[in-house]
Amino acid sequence: MTQSMPPMSSWVQLFFKYFYENGIDIHSIFIDEFTCRDCMANFSTVEEVKRNVAFLLNAASQNADASPETNYVNKAKAYISDNIRRLIFVKEVADYVHLNPEYFTKLFKKETGMNIKDYIVDCKIALAKDLLTTSNLPVNMIATEVGYSNFSHFTQIFKRAEHMTPSEYRLLYHKKS
């Protein structure tokens, strides 16, 4: 009696589960030449299966070589990315990775060269810039979309980071395109 193999997407899901459990942002392992969509869709030939498995095994082994500290930071970055549209506190991120907040902030700074609060703000500003240039949402809605309930506070944070207001940024981008 032969056992049937699970669908190929199940193999990919096993790898994705491994990456998630180890705090690895799945999107960070893919490249333009081989996207996540390519990986999920290409199982019609043995060569495609080999390519997918080899790619995922390589990504997994590269992570295995990473230090535990790097894994904590990667897991924190993934958490921030997943929750970027709401208010995020350092303590909540530290709790997520099961570390003391003071130790976690020092570890994050050591591993990335950046303060965790600044990293969160940079991620929010990057999303805001994307929304300003790719949507017609009003600026106050964009502030809400990136987790700022106070529009004037969002404008101050944005101006500090980009040396212009969100409205000025949008106007500048539209002039260039």
N, C-alpha and C. Protein backbone atom coordinates (compact mmCIF):
# COMPACT_ATOMS: atom_id res chain seq x y z
N MET A 1 0.84 -1.17 0.00
CA MET A 1 0.00 0.00 0.00
C MET A 1 0.89 1.24 0.00
N THR A 2 0.64 2.13 -0.92
CA THR A 2 1.45 3.35 -1.00
C THR A 2 0.73 4.50 -0.32
N GLN A 3 1.55 5.32 0.32
CA GLN A 3 0.99 6.51 0.94
C GLN A 3 1.06 7.65 -0.05
N SER A 4 0.01 8.42 -0.11
CA SER A 4 0.05 9.57 -1.01
C SER A 4 0.75 10.73 -0.30
N MET A 5 1.47 11.49 -1.08
CA MET A 5 2.17 12.65 -0.52
C MET A 5 1.18 13.79 -0.34
N PRO A 6 1.38 14.61 0.68
CA PRO A 6 0.50 15.76 0.84
C PRO A 6 0.68 16.72 -0.33
N PRO A 7 -0.30 17.56 -0.59
CA PRO A 7 -0.13 18.53 -1.67
C PRO A 7 1.14 19.34 -1.47
N MET A 8 1.74 19.74 -2.57
CA MET A 8 3.03 20.44 -2.48
C MET A 8 2.93 21.72 -1.65
N SER A 9 1.80 22.40 -1.69
CA SER A 9 1.71 23.62 -0.89
C SER A 9 1.85 23.30 0.59
N SER A 10 1.54 22.06 1.00
CA SER A 10 1.74 21.67 2.40
C SER A 10 3.22 21.68 2.76
N TRP A 11 4.07 21.31 1.83
CA TRP A 11 5.52 21.37 2.08
C TRP A 11 5.94 22.81 2.33
N VAL A 12 5.46 23.70 1.51
CA VAL A 12 5.79 25.11 1.67
C VAL A 12 5.25 25.62 3.00
N GLN A 13 4.04 25.21 3.35
CA GLN A 13 3.45 25.64 4.62
C GLN A 13 4.28 25.19 5.81
N LEU A 14 4.89 24.02 5.73
CA LEU A 14 5.77 23.55 6.81
C LEU A 14 6.96 24.50 6.97
N PHE A 15 7.55 24.89 5.86
CA PHE A 15 8.67 25.84 5.92
C PHE A 15 8.20 27.18 6.47
N PHE A 16 7.05 27.65 5.99
CA PHE A 16 6.53 28.93 6.46
C PHE A 16 6.27 28.87 7.97
N LYS A 17 5.77 27.77 8.45
CA LYS A 17 5.53 27.61 9.89
C LYS A 17 6.86 27.70 10.64
N TYR A 18 7.89 27.05 10.12
CA TYR A 18 9.22 27.12 10.74
C TYR A 18 9.71 28.56 10.79
N PHE A 19 9.58 29.27 9.66
CA PHE A 19 10.04 30.66 9.62
C PHE A 19 9.27 31.51 10.63
N TYR A 20 7.96 31.34 10.68
CA TYR A 20 7.14 32.11 11.61
C TYR A 20 7.54 31.84 13.05
N GLU A 21 7.69 30.58 13.39
CA GLU A 21 8.03 30.22 14.77
C GLU A 21 9.41 30.72 15.19
N ASN A 22 10.26 30.98 14.20
CA ASN A 22 11.59 31.48 14.51
C ASN A 22 11.73 32.98 14.26
N GLY A 23 10.59 33.66 14.09
CA GLY A 23 10.60 35.11 13.97
C GLY A 23 11.21 35.63 12.69
N ILE A 24 11.14 34.86 11.63
CA ILE A 24 11.72 35.28 10.36
C ILE A 24 10.60 35.83 9.48
N ASP A 25 10.79 37.05 9.00
CA ASP A 25 9.82 37.64 8.09
C ASP A 25 9.90 36.88 6.77
N ILE A 26 8.85 36.20 6.41
CA ILE A 26 8.84 35.34 5.23
C ILE A 26 9.19 36.13 3.98
N HIS A 27 8.68 37.35 3.89
CA HIS A 27 8.93 38.16 2.69
C HIS A 27 10.42 38.51 2.56
N SER A 28 11.15 38.51 3.65
CA SER A 28 12.56 38.88 3.59
C SER A 28 13.43 37.79 2.96
N ILE A 29 12.93 36.57 2.87
CA ILE A 29 13.75 35.50 2.30
C ILE A 29 13.63 35.42 0.79
N PHE A 30 12.61 36.03 0.23
CA PHE A 30 12.40 35.96 -1.21
C PHE A 30 13.10 37.11 -1.93
N ILE A 31 13.33 36.91 -3.21
CA ILE A 31 14.01 37.90 -4.04
C ILE A 31 13.14 38.18 -5.26
N ASP A 32 13.47 39.21 -6.01
CA ASP A 32 12.68 39.57 -7.19
C ASP A 32 12.61 38.42 -8.20
N GLU A 33 13.70 37.68 -8.32
CA GLU A 33 13.74 36.59 -9.29
C GLU A 33 12.98 35.35 -8.82
N PHE A 34 12.69 35.27 -7.53
CA PHE A 34 11.96 34.12 -6.98
C PHE A 34 11.10 34.62 -5.84
N THR A 35 9.85 34.92 -6.15
CA THR A 35 8.94 35.51 -5.18
C THR A 35 8.20 34.45 -4.39
N CYS A 36 7.53 34.89 -3.35
CA CYS A 36 6.70 34.00 -2.55
C CYS A 36 5.62 33.37 -3.43
N ARG A 37 5.05 34.17 -4.31
CA ARG A 37 4.02 33.66 -5.23
C ARG A 37 4.60 32.57 -6.14
N ASP A 38 5.82 32.78 -6.63
CA ASP A 38 6.47 31.75 -7.46
C ASP A 38 6.60 30.45 -6.69
N CYS A 39 7.00 30.58 -5.45
CA CYS A 39 7.22 29.40 -4.61
C CYS A 39 5.91 28.63 -4.41
N MET A 40 4.83 29.34 -4.18
CA MET A 40 3.54 28.69 -3.91
C MET A 40 2.92 28.09 -5.16
N ALA A 41 3.24 28.63 -6.33
CA ALA A 41 2.56 28.23 -7.55
C ALA A 41 3.29 27.16 -8.37
N ASN A 42 4.59 26.99 -8.17
CA ASN A 42 5.37 26.16 -9.07
C ASN A 42 5.66 24.77 -8.51
N PHE A 43 4.74 23.86 -8.76
CA PHE A 43 4.92 22.47 -8.34
C PHE A 43 4.47 21.50 -9.42
N SER A 44 4.53 21.93 -10.67
CA SER A 44 4.03 21.06 -11.73
C SER A 44 5.08 20.11 -12.28
N THR A 45 6.36 20.38 -12.02
CA THR A 45 7.41 19.47 -12.48
C THR A 45 8.34 19.13 -11.32
N VAL A 46 9.08 18.06 -11.50
CA VAL A 46 10.04 17.66 -10.48
C VAL A 46 11.10 18.73 -10.30
N GLU A 47 11.52 19.36 -11.38
CA GLU A 47 12.54 20.41 -11.30
C GLU A 47 12.04 21.60 -10.48
N GLU A 48 10.78 21.97 -10.65
CA GLU A 48 10.22 23.07 -9.86
C GLU A 48 10.18 22.71 -8.37
N VAL A 49 9.79 21.48 -8.08
CA VAL A 49 9.76 21.02 -6.68
C VAL A 49 11.16 21.08 -6.09
N LYS A 50 12.15 20.57 -6.83
CA LYS A 50 13.54 20.60 -6.35
C LYS A 50 13.99 22.04 -6.09
N ARG A 51 13.68 22.92 -7.02
CA ARG A 51 14.09 24.32 -6.87
C ARG A 51 13.45 24.93 -5.62
N ASN A 52 12.16 24.72 -5.44
CA ASN A 52 11.46 25.28 -4.27
C ASN A 52 12.05 24.75 -2.97
N VAL A 53 12.22 23.43 -2.88
CA VAL A 53 12.73 22.82 -1.66
C VAL A 53 14.16 23.29 -1.39
N ALA A 54 14.99 23.34 -2.42
CA ALA A 54 16.37 23.79 -2.24
C ALA A 54 16.40 25.24 -1.75
N PHE A 55 15.57 26.08 -2.34
CA PHE A 55 15.52 27.49 -1.94
C PHE A 55 15.10 27.61 -0.48
N LEU A 56 14.06 26.90 -0.09
CA LEU A 56 13.55 26.98 1.28
C LEU A 56 14.52 26.37 2.29
N LEU A 57 15.17 25.27 1.92
CA LEU A 57 16.17 24.67 2.81
C LEU A 57 17.34 25.62 3.02
N ASN A 58 17.76 26.29 1.96
CA ASN A 58 18.86 27.25 2.06
C ASN A 58 18.47 28.39 3.00
N ALA A 59 17.25 28.92 2.85
CA ALA A 59 16.79 29.99 3.72
C ALA A 59 16.72 29.53 5.17
N ALA A 60 16.27 28.30 5.38
CA ALA A 60 16.18 27.76 6.75
C ALA A 60 17.57 27.57 7.34
N SER A 61 18.52 27.08 6.55
CA SER A 61 19.86 26.85 7.08
C SER A 61 20.58 28.17 7.37
N GLN A 62 20.33 29.18 6.56
CA GLN A 62 20.92 30.49 6.84
C GLN A 62 20.41 31.03 8.17
N ASN A 63 19.13 30.77 8.47
CA ASN A 63 18.57 31.21 9.74
C ASN A 63 19.15 30.41 10.89
N ALA A 64 19.40 29.14 10.68
CA ALA A 64 19.95 28.30 11.75
C ALA A 64 21.31 28.80 12.19
N ASP A 65 22.03 29.43 11.26
CA ASP A 65 23.34 29.97 11.57
C ASP A 65 23.26 31.29 12.35
N ALA A 66 22.09 31.90 12.36
CA ALA A 66 21.93 33.18 13.04
C ALA A 66 21.97 32.99 14.55
N SER A 67 22.44 34.00 15.23
CA SER A 67 22.52 33.93 16.69
C SER A 67 21.12 34.02 17.29
N PRO A 68 20.93 33.54 18.51
CA PRO A 68 19.63 33.68 19.16
C PRO A 68 19.21 35.15 19.27
N GLU A 69 20.20 36.04 19.48
CA GLU A 69 19.89 37.46 19.58
C GLU A 69 19.29 37.97 18.28
N THR A 70 19.87 37.56 17.17
CA THR A 70 19.36 37.97 15.86
C THR A 70 17.94 37.44 15.67
N ASN A 71 17.69 36.21 16.12
CA ASN A 71 16.35 35.64 15.99
C ASN A 71 15.33 36.45 16.78
N TYR A 72 15.69 36.90 17.98
CA TYR A 72 14.78 37.74 18.77
C TYR A 72 14.46 39.02 18.01
N VAL A 73 15.47 39.63 17.45
CA VAL A 73 15.29 40.88 16.72
C VAL A 73 14.45 40.65 15.47
N ASN A 74 14.71 39.58 14.74
CA ASN A 74 13.92 39.27 13.54
C ASN A 74 12.46 39.02 13.90
N LYS A 75 12.24 38.31 14.99
CA LYS A 75 10.88 38.04 15.45
C LYS A 75 10.20 39.36 15.83
N ALA A 76 10.92 40.25 16.49
CA ALA A 76 10.37 41.55 16.86
C ALA A 76 10.03 42.38 15.62
N LYS A 77 10.91 42.37 14.64
CA LYS A 77 10.66 43.12 13.40
C LYS A 77 9.42 42.59 12.69
N ALA A 78 9.26 41.29 12.66
CA ALA A 78 8.08 40.69 12.04
C ALA A 78 6.81 41.11 12.78
N TYR A 79 6.88 41.12 14.11
CA TYR A 79 5.74 41.54 14.92
C TYR A 79 5.38 43.00 14.63
N ILE A 80 6.37 43.84 14.57
CA ILE A 80 6.14 45.26 14.28
C ILE A 80 5.50 45.41 12.90
N SER A 81 6.04 44.71 11.93
CA SER A 81 5.49 44.76 10.58
C SER A 81 4.03 44.31 10.54
N ASP A 82 3.73 43.25 11.27
CA ASP A 82 2.36 42.73 11.30
C ASP A 82 1.39 43.66 12.01
N ASN A 83 1.88 44.51 12.89
CA ASN A 83 1.02 45.37 13.71
C ASN A 83 1.24 46.86 13.44
N ILE A 84 1.85 47.19 12.34
CA ILE A 84 2.27 48.56 12.06
C ILE A 84 1.11 49.54 11.98
N ARG A 85 -0.07 49.07 11.73
CA ARG A 85 -1.23 49.95 11.56
C ARG A 85 -1.90 50.33 12.87
N ARG A 86 -1.25 49.99 13.98
CA ARG A 86 -1.81 50.38 15.28
C ARG A 86 -0.68 50.89 16.17
N LEU A 87 -1.07 51.44 17.31
CA LEU A 87 -0.09 51.93 18.27
C LEU A 87 0.68 50.74 18.84
N ILE A 88 2.00 50.83 18.81
CA ILE A 88 2.84 49.73 19.28
C ILE A 88 3.73 50.25 20.40
N PHE A 89 3.77 49.51 21.50
CA PHE A 89 4.61 49.88 22.63
C PHE A 89 5.81 48.93 22.70
N VAL A 90 6.94 49.46 23.14
CA VAL A 90 8.15 48.66 23.26
C VAL A 90 7.92 47.46 24.19
N LYS A 91 7.23 47.68 25.29
CA LYS A 91 6.96 46.60 26.24
C LYS A 91 6.19 45.46 25.59
N GLU A 92 5.24 45.79 24.74
CA GLU A 92 4.45 44.76 24.08
C GLU A 92 5.33 43.93 23.12
N VAL A 93 6.25 44.60 22.43
CA VAL A 93 7.15 43.87 21.53
C VAL A 93 8.09 42.99 22.35
N ALA A 94 8.62 43.53 23.44
CA ALA A 94 9.49 42.75 24.33
C ALA A 94 8.74 41.55 24.90
N ASP A 95 7.50 41.75 25.30
CA ASP A 95 6.68 40.64 25.81
C ASP A 95 6.48 39.59 24.73
N TYR A 96 6.28 40.04 23.51
CA TYR A 96 6.06 39.12 22.39
C TYR A 96 7.26 38.18 22.19
N VAL A 97 8.46 38.73 22.35
CA VAL A 97 9.67 37.91 22.17
C VAL A 97 10.15 37.32 23.49
N HIS A 98 9.36 37.51 24.55
CA HIS A 98 9.63 36.93 25.87
C HIS A 98 10.95 37.40 26.48
N LEU A 99 11.18 38.72 26.38
CA LEU A 99 12.38 39.31 26.98
C LEU A 99 11.98 40.49 27.85
N ASN A 100 12.81 40.78 28.83
CA ASN A 100 12.66 41.96 29.65
C ASN A 100 12.78 43.19 28.75
N PRO A 101 11.88 44.18 28.89
CA PRO A 101 11.93 45.35 28.01
C PRO A 101 13.27 46.09 28.00
N GLU A 102 13.90 46.23 29.16
CA GLU A 102 15.19 46.93 29.20
C GLU A 102 16.26 46.14 28.45
N TYR A 103 16.30 44.83 28.69
CA TYR A 103 17.27 43.99 27.99
C TYR A 103 16.98 44.00 26.49
N PHE A 104 15.70 43.89 26.15
CA PHE A 104 15.31 43.86 24.73
C PHE A 104 15.73 45.13 24.00
N THR A 105 15.51 46.30 24.60
CA THR A 105 15.89 47.55 23.93
C THR A 105 17.40 47.62 23.70
N LYS A 106 18.17 47.16 24.67
CA LYS A 106 19.63 47.14 24.49
C LYS A 106 20.04 46.14 23.41
N LEU A 107 19.41 44.97 23.41
CA LEU A 107 19.70 43.95 22.40
C LEU A 107 19.35 44.45 21.01
N PHE A 108 18.19 45.08 20.87
CA PHE A 108 17.76 45.59 19.57
C PHE A 108 18.75 46.61 19.05
N LYS A 109 19.17 47.52 19.93
CA LYS A 109 20.14 48.56 19.55
C LYS A 109 21.47 47.93 19.14
N LYS A 110 21.91 46.92 19.91
CA LYS A 110 23.18 46.25 19.62
C LYS A 110 23.13 45.54 18.27
N GLU A 111 22.02 44.88 17.99
CA GLU A 111 21.91 44.08 16.76
C GLU A 111 21.64 44.93 15.52
N THR A 112 20.92 46.05 15.69
CA THR A 112 20.52 46.84 14.52
C THR A 112 21.22 48.18 14.41
N GLY A 113 21.79 48.64 15.54
CA GLY A 113 22.37 49.97 15.55
C GLY A 113 21.32 51.06 15.66
N MET A 114 20.09 50.65 15.94
CA MET A 114 18.98 51.59 15.96
C MET A 114 18.13 51.38 17.21
N ASN A 115 17.63 52.45 17.76
CA ASN A 115 16.72 52.41 18.89
C ASN A 115 15.39 51.79 18.42
N ILE A 116 14.79 50.95 19.24
CA ILE A 116 13.54 50.28 18.87
C ILE A 116 12.42 51.28 18.59
N LYS A 117 12.33 52.33 19.39
CA LYS A 117 11.28 53.33 19.15
C LYS A 117 11.48 54.00 17.79
N ASP A 118 12.73 54.32 17.46
CA ASP A 118 13.02 54.93 16.16
C ASP A 118 12.70 53.96 15.02
N TYR A 119 12.96 52.69 15.24
CA TYR A 119 12.65 51.68 14.22
C TYR A 119 11.14 51.64 13.96
N ILE A 120 10.35 51.64 15.02
CA ILE A 120 8.89 51.62 14.87
C ILE A 120 8.42 52.86 14.11
N VAL A 121 8.94 54.02 14.49
CA VAL A 121 8.56 55.27 13.81
C VAL A 121 8.97 55.21 12.34
N ASP A 122 10.17 54.73 12.05
CA ASP A 122 10.63 54.63 10.66
C ASP A 122 9.72 53.73 9.83
N CYS A 123 9.28 52.63 10.42
CA CYS A 123 8.37 51.72 9.71
C CYS A 123 7.03 52.41 9.44
N LYS A 124 6.53 53.14 10.41
CA LYS A 124 5.26 53.86 10.24
C LYS A 124 5.40 54.96 9.19
N ILE A 125 6.51 55.68 9.21
CA ILE A 125 6.73 56.74 8.22
C ILE A 125 6.86 56.15 6.82
N ALA A 126 7.53 55.02 6.70
CA ALA A 126 7.66 54.36 5.39
C ALA A 126 6.29 53.98 4.84
N LEU A 127 5.43 53.44 5.69
CA LEU A 127 4.07 53.10 5.26
C LEU A 127 3.30 54.37 4.90
N ALA A 128 3.43 55.41 5.71
CA ALA A 128 2.74 56.67 5.43
C ALA A 128 3.19 57.25 4.08
N LYS A 129 4.49 57.22 3.81
CA LYS A 129 5.01 57.74 2.54
C LYS A 129 4.44 56.93 1.37
N ASP A 130 4.37 55.63 1.55
CA ASP A 130 3.79 54.78 0.50
C ASP A 130 2.32 55.16 0.27
N LEU A 131 1.57 55.31 1.34
CA LEU A 131 0.16 55.67 1.21
C LEU A 131 -0.01 57.07 0.61
N LEU A 132 0.86 57.99 0.97
CA LEU A 132 0.79 59.34 0.42
C LEU A 132 1.03 59.36 -1.08
N THR A 133 1.89 58.47 -1.54
CA THR A 133 2.24 58.48 -2.97
C THR A 133 1.41 57.53 -3.82
N THR A 134 0.74 56.57 -3.19
CA THR A 134 0.01 55.58 -3.99
C THR A 134 -1.49 55.62 -3.78
N SER A 135 -1.98 56.49 -2.90
CA SER A 135 -3.42 56.54 -2.66
C SER A 135 -3.88 57.99 -2.65
N ASN A 136 -5.18 58.15 -2.67
CA ASN A 136 -5.77 59.49 -2.56
C ASN A 136 -6.41 59.69 -1.20
N LEU A 137 -6.04 58.85 -0.24
CA LEU A 137 -6.58 58.99 1.11
C LEU A 137 -6.20 60.35 1.67
N PRO A 138 -7.12 60.98 2.39
CA PRO A 138 -6.76 62.23 3.06
C PRO A 138 -5.64 61.97 4.08
N VAL A 139 -4.85 62.97 4.33
CA VAL A 139 -3.70 62.82 5.22
C VAL A 139 -4.14 62.38 6.62
N ASN A 140 -5.27 62.91 7.10
CA ASN A 140 -5.71 62.51 8.44
C ASN A 140 -6.09 61.02 8.48
N MET A 141 -6.59 60.48 7.37
CA MET A 141 -6.88 59.04 7.30
C MET A 141 -5.59 58.23 7.26
N ILE A 142 -4.59 58.74 6.60
CA ILE A 142 -3.29 58.06 6.54
C ILE A 142 -2.69 58.01 7.94
N ALA A 143 -2.83 59.10 8.69
CA ALA A 143 -2.35 59.11 10.08
C ALA A 143 -3.00 57.98 10.85
N THR A 144 -4.30 57.81 10.70
CA THR A 144 -5.02 56.73 11.38
C THR A 144 -4.55 55.37 10.89
N GLU A 145 -4.32 55.25 9.60
CA GLU A 145 -3.87 53.98 9.01
C GLU A 145 -2.53 53.52 9.56
N VAL A 146 -1.68 54.44 9.96
CA VAL A 146 -0.37 54.06 10.48
C VAL A 146 -0.31 54.12 12.01
N GLY A 147 -1.49 54.18 12.62
CA GLY A 147 -1.55 54.03 14.07
C GLY A 147 -1.48 55.29 14.89
N TYR A 148 -1.69 56.46 14.28
CA TYR A 148 -1.69 57.72 15.02
C TYR A 148 -3.11 58.25 15.08
N SER A 149 -3.67 58.33 16.27
CA SER A 149 -5.03 58.87 16.42
C SER A 149 -5.01 60.39 16.48
N ASN A 150 -3.87 60.96 16.81
CA ASN A 150 -3.73 62.41 16.89
C ASN A 150 -3.03 62.90 15.62
N PHE A 151 -3.80 63.58 14.76
CA PHE A 151 -3.29 64.02 13.47
C PHE A 151 -2.11 64.98 13.60
N SER A 152 -2.18 65.92 14.54
CA SER A 152 -1.09 66.89 14.68
C SER A 152 0.20 66.20 15.17
N HIS A 153 0.05 65.20 16.01
CA HIS A 153 1.23 64.45 16.47
C HIS A 153 1.86 63.71 15.28
N PHE A 154 1.02 63.09 14.46
CA PHE A 154 1.51 62.41 13.26
C PHE A 154 2.27 63.39 12.36
N THR A 155 1.70 64.56 12.15
CA THR A 155 2.34 65.57 11.30
C THR A 155 3.70 65.97 11.86
N GLN A 156 3.78 66.15 13.19
CA GLN A 156 5.06 66.50 13.82
C GLN A 156 6.09 65.40 13.62
N ILE A 157 5.68 64.15 13.85
CA ILE A 157 6.59 63.00 13.69
C ILE A 157 7.06 62.92 12.24
N PHE A 158 6.12 63.06 11.30
CA PHE A 158 6.45 62.98 9.88
C PHE A 158 7.43 64.10 9.50
N LYS A 159 7.15 65.30 9.96
CA LYS A 159 8.00 66.45 9.62
C LYS A 159 9.40 66.27 10.19
N ARG A 160 9.49 65.75 11.42
CA ARG A 160 10.79 65.50 12.04
C ARG A 160 11.60 64.50 11.20
N ALA A 161 10.90 63.50 10.66
CA ALA A 161 11.59 62.45 9.89
C ALA A 161 11.92 62.88 8.47
N GLU A 162 11.00 63.60 7.82
CA GLU A 162 11.15 63.92 6.39
C GLU A 162 11.45 65.38 6.09
N HIS A 163 11.47 66.23 7.13
CA HIS A 163 11.74 67.66 6.98
C HIS A 163 10.70 68.36 6.10
N MET A 164 9.50 67.81 6.10
CA MET A 164 8.35 68.43 5.43
C MET A 164 7.09 67.77 5.96
N THR A 165 5.97 68.44 5.80
CA THR A 165 4.71 67.87 6.28
C THR A 165 4.25 66.77 5.31
N PRO A 166 3.33 65.93 5.75
CA PRO A 166 2.80 64.90 4.85
C PRO A 166 2.18 65.50 3.59
N SER A 167 1.47 66.62 3.73
CA SER A 167 0.87 67.27 2.56
C SER A 167 1.94 67.77 1.59
N GLU A 168 3.00 68.35 2.13
CA GLU A 168 4.10 68.82 1.28
C GLU A 168 4.77 67.64 0.57
N TYR A 169 4.92 66.53 1.30
CA TYR A 169 5.51 65.32 0.71
C TYR A 169 4.67 64.84 -0.47
N ARG A 170 3.35 64.79 -0.26
CA ARG A 170 2.45 64.34 -1.33
C ARG A 170 2.56 65.27 -2.54
N LEU A 171 2.56 66.58 -2.32
CA LEU A 171 2.67 67.54 -3.42
C LEU A 171 3.99 67.37 -4.18
N LEU A 172 5.07 67.21 -3.44
CA LEU A 172 6.38 67.02 -4.07
C LEU A 172 6.39 65.77 -4.92
N TYR A 173 5.83 64.68 -4.40
CA TYR A 173 5.82 63.43 -5.16
C TYR A 173 5.00 63.59 -6.44
N HIS A 174 3.84 64.22 -6.34
CA HIS A 174 2.99 64.37 -7.53
C HIS A 174 3.64 65.29 -8.56
N LYS A 175 4.44 66.27 -8.15
CA LYS A 175 5.16 67.12 -9.09
C LYS A 175 6.22 66.33 -9.85
N LYS A 176 6.83 65.35 -9.16
CA LYS A 176 7.90 64.57 -9.79
C LYS A 176 7.35 63.53 -10.77
N SER A 177 6.11 63.11 -10.57
CA SER A 177 5.58 62.04 -11.45
C SER A 177 4.72 62.55 -12.57
